[in-house]
Amino acid sequence: MSDVVNGALVKKAIRAVVGECKFCVTIADPNGNDIPLIAVSEAFESMTGYKRSEIIGVNCRFLNQGCPISPMDLMGLRLASESGSTFTALLPNRKKSGE
């Protein structure tokens, strides 16, 4: 029970801090089912057009649906996600408007 309460408190604290950031921030839970977003900043909402209520609990890959991503970048991202190794690439994303 204390793990659940502590986890809820941690998520609440993260959301409060991230929500006030003046730059684009997203935080995902690597232990959650499909690595869902647990916090996004107001700047992220403004930049993408998505509201927190629409995307909290969703994996952030919805942002690059329909965007051209190189197979090598996808492979590198998967390997880094699985192993915890570093990964650097420019991944294109779309705003809610489709831009």
PDB file of N, CA and C in Angstrom:
ATOM      1  N   MET A   1       0.816  -1.198   0.000  1.00  0.00           N
ATOM      2  CA  MET A   1       0.000   0.000   0.000  1.00  0.00           C
ATOM      3  C   MET A   1       0.857   1.259   0.000  1.00  0.00           C
ATOM      4  N   SER A   2       1.937   1.288   0.774  1.00  0.00           N
ATOM      5  CA  SER A   2       2.769   2.492   0.825  1.00  0.00           C
ATOM      6  C   SER A   2       3.439   2.778  -0.509  1.00  0.00           C
ATOM      7  N   ASP A   3       3.764   1.734  -1.289  1.00  0.00           N
ATOM      8  CA  ASP A   3       4.342   1.945  -2.615  1.00  0.00           C
ATOM      9  C   ASP A   3       3.358   2.669  -3.521  1.00  0.00           C
ATOM     10  N   VAL A   4       2.081   2.308  -3.436  1.00  0.00           N
ATOM     11  CA  VAL A   4       1.057   2.957  -4.253  1.00  0.00           C
ATOM     12  C   VAL A   4       0.907   4.407  -3.834  1.00  0.00           C
ATOM     13  N   VAL A   5       0.835   4.659  -2.538  1.00  0.00           N
ATOM     14  CA  VAL A   5       0.694   6.023  -2.045  1.00  0.00           C
ATOM     15  C   VAL A   5       1.921   6.843  -2.414  1.00  0.00           C
ATOM     16  N   ASN A   6       3.110   6.299  -2.172  1.00  0.00           N
ATOM     17  CA  ASN A   6       4.335   7.024  -2.510  1.00  0.00           C
ATOM     18  C   ASN A   6       4.416   7.291  -4.003  1.00  0.00           C
ATOM     19  N   GLY A   7       4.055   6.323  -4.823  1.00  0.00           N
ATOM     20  CA  GLY A   7       4.057   6.513  -6.272  1.00  0.00           C
ATOM     21  C   GLY A   7       3.111   7.617  -6.688  1.00  0.00           C
ATOM     22  N   ALA A   8       1.943   7.660  -6.083  1.00  0.00           N
ATOM     23  CA  ALA A   8       0.966   8.708  -6.396  1.00  0.00           C
ATOM     24  C   ALA A   8       1.490  10.076  -5.975  1.00  0.00           C
ATOM     25  N   LEU A   9       2.125  10.133  -4.821  1.00  0.00           N
ATOM     26  CA  LEU A   9       2.688  11.409  -4.357  1.00  0.00           C
ATOM     27  C   LEU A   9       3.825  11.884  -5.250  1.00  0.00           C
ATOM     28  N   VAL A  10       4.649  10.958  -5.679  1.00  0.00           N
ATOM     29  CA  VAL A  10       5.757  11.315  -6.574  1.00  0.00           C
ATOM     30  C   VAL A  10       5.210  11.857  -7.885  1.00  0.00           C
ATOM     31  N   LYS A  11       4.227  11.172  -8.471  1.00  0.00           N
ATOM     32  CA  LYS A  11       3.642  11.648  -9.734  1.00  0.00           C
ATOM     33  C   LYS A  11       3.018  13.030  -9.553  1.00  0.00           C
ATOM     34  N   LYS A  12       2.342  13.239  -8.442  1.00  0.00           N
ATOM     35  CA  LYS A  12       1.722  14.544  -8.183  1.00  0.00           C
ATOM     36  C   LYS A  12       2.790  15.635  -8.085  1.00  0.00           C
ATOM     37  N   ALA A  13       3.882  15.343  -7.397  1.00  0.00           N
ATOM     38  CA  ALA A  13       4.972  16.316  -7.262  1.00  0.00           C
ATOM     39  C   ALA A  13       5.619  16.608  -8.613  1.00  0.00           C
ATOM     40  N   ILE A  14       5.841  15.568  -9.402  1.00  0.00           N
ATOM     41  CA  ILE A  14       6.432  15.751 -10.737  1.00  0.00           C
ATOM     42  C   ILE A  14       5.523  16.617 -11.584  1.00  0.00           C
ATOM     43  N   ARG A  15       4.229  16.332 -11.581  1.00  0.00           N
ATOM     44  CA  ARG A  15       3.282  17.122 -12.376  1.00  0.00           C
ATOM     45  C   ARG A  15       3.295  18.587 -11.968  1.00  0.00           C
ATOM     46  N   ALA A  16       3.368  18.844 -10.672  1.00  0.00           N
ATOM     47  CA  ALA A  16       3.373  20.225 -10.188  1.00  0.00           C
ATOM     48  C   ALA A  16       4.616  20.971 -10.670  1.00  0.00           C
ATOM     49  N   VAL A  17       5.770  20.349 -10.564  1.00  0.00           N
ATOM     50  CA  VAL A  17       7.025  20.993 -10.968  1.00  0.00           C
ATOM     51  C   VAL A  17       7.080  21.172 -12.484  1.00  0.00           C
ATOM     52  N   VAL A  18       6.782  20.116 -13.211  1.00  0.00           N
ATOM     53  CA  VAL A  18       6.850  20.172 -14.677  1.00  0.00           C
ATOM     54  C   VAL A  18       5.819  21.147 -15.236  1.00  0.00           C
ATOM     55  N   GLY A  19       4.643  21.160 -14.650  1.00  0.00           N
ATOM     56  CA  GLY A  19       3.585  22.037 -15.136  1.00  0.00           C
ATOM     57  C   GLY A  19       3.972  23.498 -15.139  1.00  0.00           C
ATOM     58  N   GLU A  20       4.867  23.882 -14.248  1.00  0.00           N
ATOM     59  CA  GLU A  20       5.284  25.277 -14.133  1.00  0.00           C
ATOM     60  C   GLU A  20       6.522  25.618 -14.950  1.00  0.00           C
ATOM     61  N   CYS A  21       7.123  24.643 -15.609  1.00  0.00           N
ATOM     62  CA  CYS A  21       8.325  24.908 -16.414  1.00  0.00           C
ATOM     63  C   CYS A  21       8.002  25.873 -17.543  1.00  0.00           C
ATOM     64  N   LYS A  22       8.951  26.724 -17.866  1.00  0.00           N
ATOM     65  CA  LYS A  22       8.771  27.706 -18.941  1.00  0.00           C
ATOM     66  C   LYS A  22       9.268  27.183 -20.284  1.00  0.00           C
ATOM     67  N   PHE A  23       9.623  25.911 -20.332  1.00  0.00           N
ATOM     68  CA  PHE A  23      10.093  25.293 -21.572  1.00  0.00           C
ATOM     69  C   PHE A  23       9.371  23.964 -21.753  1.00  0.00           C
ATOM     70  N   CYS A  24       9.510  23.358 -22.925  1.00  0.00           N
ATOM     71  CA  CYS A  24       8.808  22.113 -23.239  1.00  0.00           C
ATOM     72  C   CYS A  24       9.413  20.940 -22.479  1.00  0.00           C
ATOM     73  N   VAL A  25       8.576  20.287 -21.686  1.00  0.00           N
ATOM     74  CA  VAL A  25       9.010  19.132 -20.912  1.00  0.00           C
ATOM     75  C   VAL A  25       7.918  18.081 -20.944  1.00  0.00           C
ATOM     76  N   THR A  26       8.311  16.837 -21.124  1.00  0.00           N
ATOM     77  CA  THR A  26       7.410  15.711 -20.937  1.00  0.00           C
ATOM     78  C   THR A  26       8.127  14.697 -20.058  1.00  0.00           C
ATOM     79  N   ILE A  27       7.375  14.038 -19.200  1.00  0.00           N
ATOM     80  CA  ILE A  27       7.907  12.982 -18.355  1.00  0.00           C
ATOM     81  C   ILE A  27       7.037  11.760 -18.567  1.00  0.00           C
ATOM     82  N   ALA A  28       7.679  10.627 -18.819  1.00  0.00           N
ATOM     83  CA  ALA A  28       6.959   9.369 -19.001  1.00  0.00           C
ATOM     84  C   ALA A  28       7.371   8.387 -17.905  1.00  0.00           C
ATOM     85  N   ASP A  29       6.494   7.441 -17.635  1.00  0.00           N
ATOM     86  CA  ASP A  29       6.752   6.422 -16.623  1.00  0.00           C
ATOM     87  C   ASP A  29       7.273   5.165 -17.312  1.00  0.00           C
ATOM     88  N   PRO A  30       8.567   4.876 -17.217  1.00  0.00           N
ATOM     89  CA  PRO A  30       9.123   3.713 -17.899  1.00  0.00           C
ATOM     90  C   PRO A  30       8.606   2.388 -17.338  1.00  0.00           C
ATOM     91  N   ASN A  31       8.006   2.428 -16.158  1.00  0.00           N
ATOM     92  CA  ASN A  31       7.452   1.211 -15.569  1.00  0.00           C
ATOM     93  C   ASN A  31       5.969   1.029 -15.867  1.00  0.00           C
ATOM     94  N   GLY A  32       5.356   2.037 -16.466  1.00  0.00           N
ATOM     95  CA  GLY A  32       3.934   1.964 -16.789  1.00  0.00           C
ATOM     96  C   GLY A  32       3.695   1.178 -18.064  1.00  0.00           C
ATOM     97  N   ASN A  33       2.462   0.748 -18.249  1.00  0.00           N
ATOM     98  CA  ASN A  33       2.084   0.014 -19.459  1.00  0.00           C
ATOM     99  C   ASN A  33       2.247   0.912 -20.684  1.00  0.00           C
ATOM    100  N   ASP A  34       3.144   0.581 -21.569  1.00  0.00           N
ATOM    101  CA  ASP A  34       3.440   1.324 -22.809  1.00  0.00           C
ATOM    102  C   ASP A  34       4.100   2.681 -22.546  1.00  0.00           C
ATOM    103  N   ILE A  35       4.741   2.833 -21.392  1.00  0.00           N
ATOM    104  CA  ILE A  35       5.506   4.031 -21.045  1.00  0.00           C
ATOM    105  C   ILE A  35       4.666   5.311 -21.249  1.00  0.00           C
ATOM    106  N   PRO A  36       3.625   5.469 -20.436  1.00  0.00           N
ATOM    107  CA  PRO A  36       2.720   6.615 -20.610  1.00  0.00           C
ATOM    108  C   PRO A  36       3.309   7.926 -20.101  1.00  0.00           C
ATOM    109  N   LEU A  37       2.864   9.010 -20.706  1.00  0.00           N
ATOM    110  CA  LEU A  37       3.206  10.329 -20.197  1.00  0.00           C
ATOM    111  C   LEU A  37       2.528  10.514 -18.842  1.00  0.00           C
ATOM    112  N   ILE A  38       3.272  11.075 -17.887  1.00  0.00           N
ATOM    113  CA  ILE A  38       2.685  11.348 -16.576  1.00  0.00           C
ATOM    114  C   ILE A  38       2.683  12.845 -16.270  1.00  0.00           C
ATOM    115  N   ALA A  39       3.421  13.630 -17.051  1.00  0.00           N
ATOM    116  CA  ALA A  39       3.449  15.079 -16.843  1.00  0.00           C
ATOM    117  C   ALA A  39       3.908  15.771 -18.120  1.00  0.00           C
ATOM    118  N   VAL A  40       3.314  16.931 -18.393  1.00  0.00           N
ATOM    119  CA  VAL A  40       3.749  17.781 -19.509  1.00  0.00           C
ATOM    120  C   VAL A  40       3.682  19.238 -19.043  1.00  0.00           C
ATOM    121  N   SER A  41       4.554  20.061 -19.598  1.00  0.00           N
ATOM    122  CA  SER A  41       4.575  21.476 -19.221  1.00  0.00           C
ATOM    123  C   SER A  41       3.553  22.274 -20.028  1.00  0.00           C
ATOM    124  N   GLU A  42       3.240  23.465 -19.522  1.00  0.00           N
ATOM    125  CA  GLU A  42       2.352  24.369 -20.266  1.00  0.00           C
ATOM    126  C   GLU A  42       2.965  24.732 -21.606  1.00  0.00           C
ATOM    127  N   ALA A  43       4.292  24.897 -21.642  1.00  0.00           N
ATOM    128  CA  ALA A  43       4.962  25.224 -22.903  1.00  0.00           C
ATOM    129  C   ALA A  43       4.770  24.106 -23.921  1.00  0.00           C
ATOM    130  N   PHE A  44       4.778  22.855 -23.455  1.00  0.00           N
ATOM    131  CA  PHE A  44       4.536  21.719 -24.357  1.00  0.00           C
ATOM    132  C   PHE A  44       3.108  21.791 -24.898  1.00  0.00           C
ATOM    133  N   GLU A  45       2.156  22.095 -24.027  1.00  0.00           N
ATOM    134  CA  GLU A  45       0.768  22.231 -24.480  1.00  0.00           C
ATOM    135  C   GLU A  45       0.653  23.321 -25.551  1.00  0.00           C
ATOM    136  N   SER A  46       1.289  24.459 -25.295  1.00  0.00           N
ATOM    137  CA  SER A  46       1.239  25.571 -26.252  1.00  0.00           C
ATOM    138  C   SER A  46       1.889  25.211 -27.577  1.00  0.00           C
ATOM    139  N   MET A  47       3.033  24.545 -27.520  1.00  0.00           N
ATOM    140  CA  MET A  47       3.748  24.203 -28.746  1.00  0.00           C
ATOM    141  C   MET A  47       3.009  23.164 -29.590  1.00  0.00           C
ATOM    142  N   THR A  48       2.446  22.153 -28.928  1.00  0.00           N
ATOM    143  CA  THR A  48       1.845  21.047 -29.679  1.00  0.00           C
ATOM    144  C   THR A  48       0.360  21.201 -29.938  1.00  0.00           C
ATOM    145  N   GLY A  49      -0.319  21.990 -29.117  1.00  0.00           N
ATOM    146  CA  GLY A  49      -1.769  22.127 -29.245  1.00  0.00           C
ATOM    147  C   GLY A  49      -2.548  21.066 -28.485  1.00  0.00           C
ATOM    148  N   TYR A  50      -1.846  20.140 -27.842  1.00  0.00           N
ATOM    149  CA  TYR A  50      -2.507  19.103 -27.042  1.00  0.00           C
ATOM    150  C   TYR A  50      -2.629  19.561 -25.603  1.00  0.00           C
ATOM    151  N   LYS A  51      -3.756  19.295 -24.994  1.00  0.00           N
ATOM    152  CA  LYS A  51      -3.977  19.587 -23.583  1.00  0.00           C
ATOM    153  C   LYS A  51      -3.560  18.372 -22.751  1.00  0.00           C
ATOM    154  N   ARG A  52      -3.124  18.637 -21.537  1.00  0.00           N
ATOM    155  CA  ARG A  52      -2.730  17.554 -20.619  1.00  0.00           C
ATOM    156  C   ARG A  52      -3.796  16.474 -20.545  1.00  0.00           C
ATOM    157  N   SER A  53      -5.022  16.905 -20.413  1.00  0.00           N
ATOM    158  CA  SER A  53      -6.121  15.948 -20.240  1.00  0.00           C
ATOM    159  C   SER A  53      -6.256  14.985 -21.423  1.00  0.00           C
ATOM    160  N   GLU A  54      -5.753  15.373 -22.581  1.00  0.00           N
ATOM    161  CA  GLU A  54      -5.820  14.519 -23.770  1.00  0.00           C
ATOM    162  C   GLU A  54      -4.688  13.495 -23.833  1.00  0.00           C
ATOM    163  N   ILE A  55      -3.553  13.814 -23.211  1.00  0.00           N
ATOM    164  CA  ILE A  55      -2.370  12.992 -23.458  1.00  0.00           C
ATOM    165  C   ILE A  55      -1.740  12.330 -22.238  1.00  0.00           C
ATOM    166  N   ILE A  56      -2.108  12.753 -21.034  1.00  0.00           N
ATOM    167  CA  ILE A  56      -1.587  12.061 -19.849  1.00  0.00           C
ATOM    168  C   ILE A  56      -2.105  10.622 -19.894  1.00  0.00           C
ATOM    169  N   GLY A  57      -1.198   9.688 -19.704  1.00  0.00           N
ATOM    170  CA  GLY A  57      -1.558   8.273 -19.754  1.00  0.00           C
ATOM    171  C   GLY A  57      -1.348   7.637 -21.124  1.00  0.00           C
ATOM    172  N   VAL A  58      -0.890   8.439 -22.098  1.00  0.00           N
ATOM    173  CA  VAL A  58      -0.679   7.966 -23.468  1.00  0.00           C
ATOM    174  C   VAL A  58       0.825   7.984 -23.780  1.00  0.00           C
ATOM    175  N   ASN A  59       1.292   7.011 -24.530  1.00  0.00           N
ATOM    176  CA  ASN A  59       2.687   7.015 -24.980  1.00  0.00           C
ATOM    177  C   ASN A  59       2.867   8.179 -25.953  1.00  0.00           C
ATOM    178  N   CYS A  60       4.006   8.850 -25.906  1.00  0.00           N
ATOM    179  CA  CYS A  60       4.218  10.053 -26.728  1.00  0.00           C
ATOM    180  C   CYS A  60       4.444   9.762 -28.208  1.00  0.00           C
ATOM    181  N   ARG A  61       4.442   8.504 -28.608  1.00  0.00           N
ATOM    182  CA  ARG A  61       4.668   8.226 -30.037  1.00  0.00           C
ATOM    183  C   ARG A  61       3.563   8.776 -30.930  1.00  0.00           C
ATOM    184  N   PHE A  62       2.415   9.141 -30.361  1.00  0.00           N
ATOM    185  CA  PHE A  62       1.354   9.746 -31.173  1.00  0.00           C
ATOM    186  C   PHE A  62       1.849  11.018 -31.856  1.00  0.00           C
ATOM    187  N   LEU A  63       2.870  11.657 -31.296  1.00  0.00           N
ATOM    188  CA  LEU A  63       3.387  12.896 -31.866  1.00  0.00           C
ATOM    189  C   LEU A  63       4.092  12.690 -33.205  1.00  0.00           C
ATOM    190  N   ASN A  64       4.607  11.488 -33.448  1.00  0.00           N
ATOM    191  CA  ASN A  64       5.310  11.277 -34.721  1.00  0.00           C
ATOM    192  C   ASN A  64       4.571  10.335 -35.659  1.00  0.00           C
ATOM    193  N   GLN A  65       3.284  10.132 -35.431  1.00  0.00           N
ATOM    194  CA  GLN A  65       2.475   9.339 -36.358  1.00  0.00           C
ATOM    195  C   GLN A  65       2.474  10.012 -37.729  1.00  0.00           C
ATOM    196  N   GLY A  66       2.832   9.271 -38.738  1.00  0.00           N
ATOM    197  CA  GLY A  66       2.853   9.807 -40.094  1.00  0.00           C
ATOM    198  C   GLY A  66       4.086  10.624 -40.444  1.00  0.00           C
ATOM    199  N   CYS A  67       5.023  10.745 -39.529  1.00  0.00           N
ATOM    200  CA  CYS A  67       6.258  11.487 -39.793  1.00  0.00           C
ATOM    201  C   CYS A  67       7.328  10.522 -40.306  1.00  0.00           C
ATOM    202  N   PRO A  68       8.155  10.990 -41.229  1.00  0.00           N
ATOM    203  CA  PRO A  68       9.228  10.119 -41.714  1.00  0.00           C
ATOM    204  C   PRO A  68      10.331   9.971 -40.658  1.00  0.00           C
ATOM    205  N   ILE A  69      10.549   8.736 -40.215  1.00  0.00           N
ATOM    206  CA  ILE A  69      11.612   8.449 -39.246  1.00  0.00           C
ATOM    207  C   ILE A  69      12.469   7.339 -39.826  1.00  0.00           C
ATOM    208  N   SER A  70      13.770   7.558 -39.820  1.00  0.00           N
ATOM    209  CA  SER A  70      14.661   6.571 -40.413  1.00  0.00           C
ATOM    210  C   SER A  70      14.638   5.270 -39.617  1.00  0.00           C
ATOM    211  N   PRO A  71      14.708   4.142 -40.309  1.00  0.00           N
ATOM    212  CA  PRO A  71      14.748   2.849 -39.622  1.00  0.00           C
ATOM    213  C   PRO A  71      15.923   2.745 -38.647  1.00  0.00           C
ATOM    214  N   MET A  72      17.040   3.393 -38.960  1.00  0.00           N
ATOM    215  CA  MET A  72      18.195   3.361 -38.055  1.00  0.00           C
ATOM    216  C   MET A  72      17.889   4.123 -36.754  1.00  0.00           C
ATOM    217  N   ASP A  73      17.187   5.244 -36.881  1.00  0.00           N
ATOM    218  CA  ASP A  73      16.808   5.990 -35.683  1.00  0.00           C
ATOM    219  C   ASP A  73      15.828   5.184 -34.834  1.00  0.00           C
ATOM    220  N   LEU A  74      14.872   4.531 -35.477  1.00  0.00           N
ATOM    221  CA  LEU A  74      13.926   3.700 -34.730  1.00  0.00           C
ATOM    222  C   LEU A  74      14.642   2.568 -34.000  1.00  0.00           C
ATOM    223  N   MET A  75      15.588   1.941 -34.679  1.00  0.00           N
ATOM    224  CA  MET A  75      16.342   0.859 -34.060  1.00  0.00           C
ATOM    225  C   MET A  75      17.157   1.388 -32.879  1.00  0.00           C
ATOM    226  N   GLY A  76      17.809   2.529 -33.055  1.00  0.00           N
ATOM    227  CA  GLY A  76      18.594   3.125 -31.984  1.00  0.00           C
ATOM    228  C   GLY A  76      17.736   3.494 -30.785  1.00  0.00           C
ATOM    229  N   LEU A  77      16.548   4.019 -31.046  1.00  0.00           N
ATOM    230  CA  LEU A  77      15.624   4.382 -29.975  1.00  0.00           C
ATOM    231  C   LEU A  77      15.160   3.146 -29.213  1.00  0.00           C
ATOM    232  N   ARG A  78      14.821   2.100 -29.950  1.00  0.00           N
ATOM    233  CA  ARG A  78      14.397   0.847 -29.293  1.00  0.00           C
ATOM    234  C   ARG A  78      15.501   0.265 -28.423  1.00  0.00           C
ATOM    235  N   LEU A  79      16.706   0.213 -28.982  1.00  0.00           N
ATOM    236  CA  LEU A  79      17.832  -0.347 -28.221  1.00  0.00           C
ATOM    237  C   LEU A  79      18.114   0.470 -26.960  1.00  0.00           C
ATOM    238  N   ALA A  80      18.084   1.777 -27.083  1.00  0.00           N
ATOM    239  CA  ALA A  80      18.332   2.640 -25.929  1.00  0.00           C
ATOM    240  C   ALA A  80      17.225   2.477 -24.884  1.00  0.00           C
ATOM    241  N   SER A  81      15.994   2.354 -25.341  1.00  0.00           N
ATOM    242  CA  SER A  81      14.870   2.172 -24.419  1.00  0.00           C
ATOM    243  C   SER A  81      14.984   0.864 -23.652  1.00  0.00           C
ATOM    244  N   GLU A  82      15.428  -0.166 -24.341  1.00  0.00           N
ATOM    245  CA  GLU A  82      15.542  -1.487 -23.713  1.00  0.00           C
ATOM    246  C   GLU A  82      16.760  -1.597 -22.801  1.00  0.00           C
ATOM    247  N   SER A  83      17.850  -0.972 -23.186  1.00  0.00           N
ATOM    248  CA  SER A  83      19.107  -1.168 -22.464  1.00  0.00           C
ATOM    249  C   SER A  83      19.478  -0.021 -21.522  1.00  0.00           C
ATOM    250  N   GLY A  84      18.852   1.127 -21.709  1.00  0.00           N
ATOM    251  CA  GLY A  84      19.218   2.286 -20.904  1.00  0.00           C
ATOM    252  C   GLY A  84      20.427   3.034 -21.446  1.00  0.00           C
ATOM    253  N   SER A  85      20.892   2.641 -22.626  1.00  0.00           N
ATOM    254  CA  SER A  85      22.034   3.316 -23.229  1.00  0.00           C
ATOM    255  C   SER A  85      21.600   4.676 -23.796  1.00  0.00           C
ATOM    256  N   THR A  86      22.572   5.501 -24.124  1.00  0.00           N
ATOM    257  CA  THR A  86      22.256   6.820 -24.655  1.00  0.00           C
ATOM    258  C   THR A  86      21.770   6.723 -26.100  1.00  0.00           C
ATOM    259  N   PHE A  87      20.995   7.704 -26.489  1.00  0.00           N
ATOM    260  CA  PHE A  87      20.482   7.787 -27.857  1.00  0.00           C
ATOM    261  C   PHE A  87      20.271   9.253 -28.177  1.00  0.00           C
ATOM    262  N   THR A  88      20.776   9.680 -29.320  1.00  0.00           N
ATOM    263  CA  THR A  88      20.588  11.052 -29.766  1.00  0.00           C
ATOM    264  C   THR A  88      20.176  11.036 -31.226  1.00  0.00           C
ATOM    265  N   ALA A  89      19.081  11.706 -31.517  1.00  0.00           N
ATOM    266  CA  ALA A  89      18.603  11.836 -32.897  1.00  0.00           C
ATOM    267  C   ALA A  89      17.578  12.961 -32.922  1.00  0.00           C
ATOM    268  N   LEU A  90      17.301  13.449 -34.092  1.00  0.00           N
ATOM    269  CA  LEU A  90      16.242  14.430 -34.277  1.00  0.00           C
ATOM    270  C   LEU A  90      15.028  13.674 -34.813  1.00  0.00           C
ATOM    271  N   LEU A  91      13.996  13.569 -33.975  1.00  0.00           N
ATOM    272  CA  LEU A  91      12.784  12.850 -34.368  1.00  0.00           C
ATOM    273  C   LEU A  91      11.683  13.862 -34.670  1.00  0.00           C
ATOM    274  N   PRO A  92      11.142  13.810 -35.886  1.00  0.00           N
ATOM    275  CA  PRO A  92      10.086  14.769 -36.238  1.00  0.00           C
ATOM    276  C   PRO A  92       8.790  14.451 -35.500  1.00  0.00           C
ATOM    277  N   ASN A  93       8.057  15.490 -35.144  1.00  0.00           N
ATOM    278  CA  ASN A  93       6.774  15.358 -34.477  1.00  0.00           C
ATOM    279  C   ASN A  93       5.748  16.234 -35.175  1.00  0.00           C
ATOM    280  N   ARG A  94       4.484  15.962 -34.919  1.00  0.00           N
ATOM    281  CA  ARG A  94       3.399  16.764 -35.468  1.00  0.00           C
ATOM    282  C   ARG A  94       2.618  17.430 -34.338  1.00  0.00           C
ATOM    283  N   LYS A  95       2.148  18.632 -34.629  1.00  0.00           N
ATOM    284  CA  LYS A  95       1.262  19.317 -33.707  1.00  0.00           C
ATOM    285  C   LYS A  95      -0.145  18.752 -33.877  1.00  0.00           C
ATOM    286  N   LYS A  96      -1.018  19.071 -32.966  1.00  0.00           N
ATOM    287  CA  LYS A  96      -2.399  18.605 -33.063  1.00  0.00           C
ATOM    288  C   LYS A  96      -3.043  19.084 -34.360  1.00  0.00           C
ATOM    289  N   SER A  97      -2.615  20.248 -34.833  1.00  0.00           N
ATOM    290  CA  SER A  97      -3.165  20.824 -36.069  1.00  0.00           C
ATOM    291  C   SER A  97      -2.698  20.075 -37.318  1.00  0.00           C
ATOM    292  N   GLY A  98      -1.722  19.184 -37.175  1.00  0.00           N
ATOM    293  CA  GLY A  98      -1.202  18.438 -38.322  1.00  0.00           C
ATOM    294  C   GLY A  98       0.103  18.998 -38.857  1.00  0.00           C
ATOM    295  N   GLU A  99       0.488  20.181 -38.410  1.00  0.00           N
ATOM    296  CA  GLU A  99       1.750  20.791 -38.862  1.00  0.00           C
ATOM    297  C   GLU A  99       2.924  19.948 -38.425  1.00  0.00           C
TER     298      GLU A  99
END
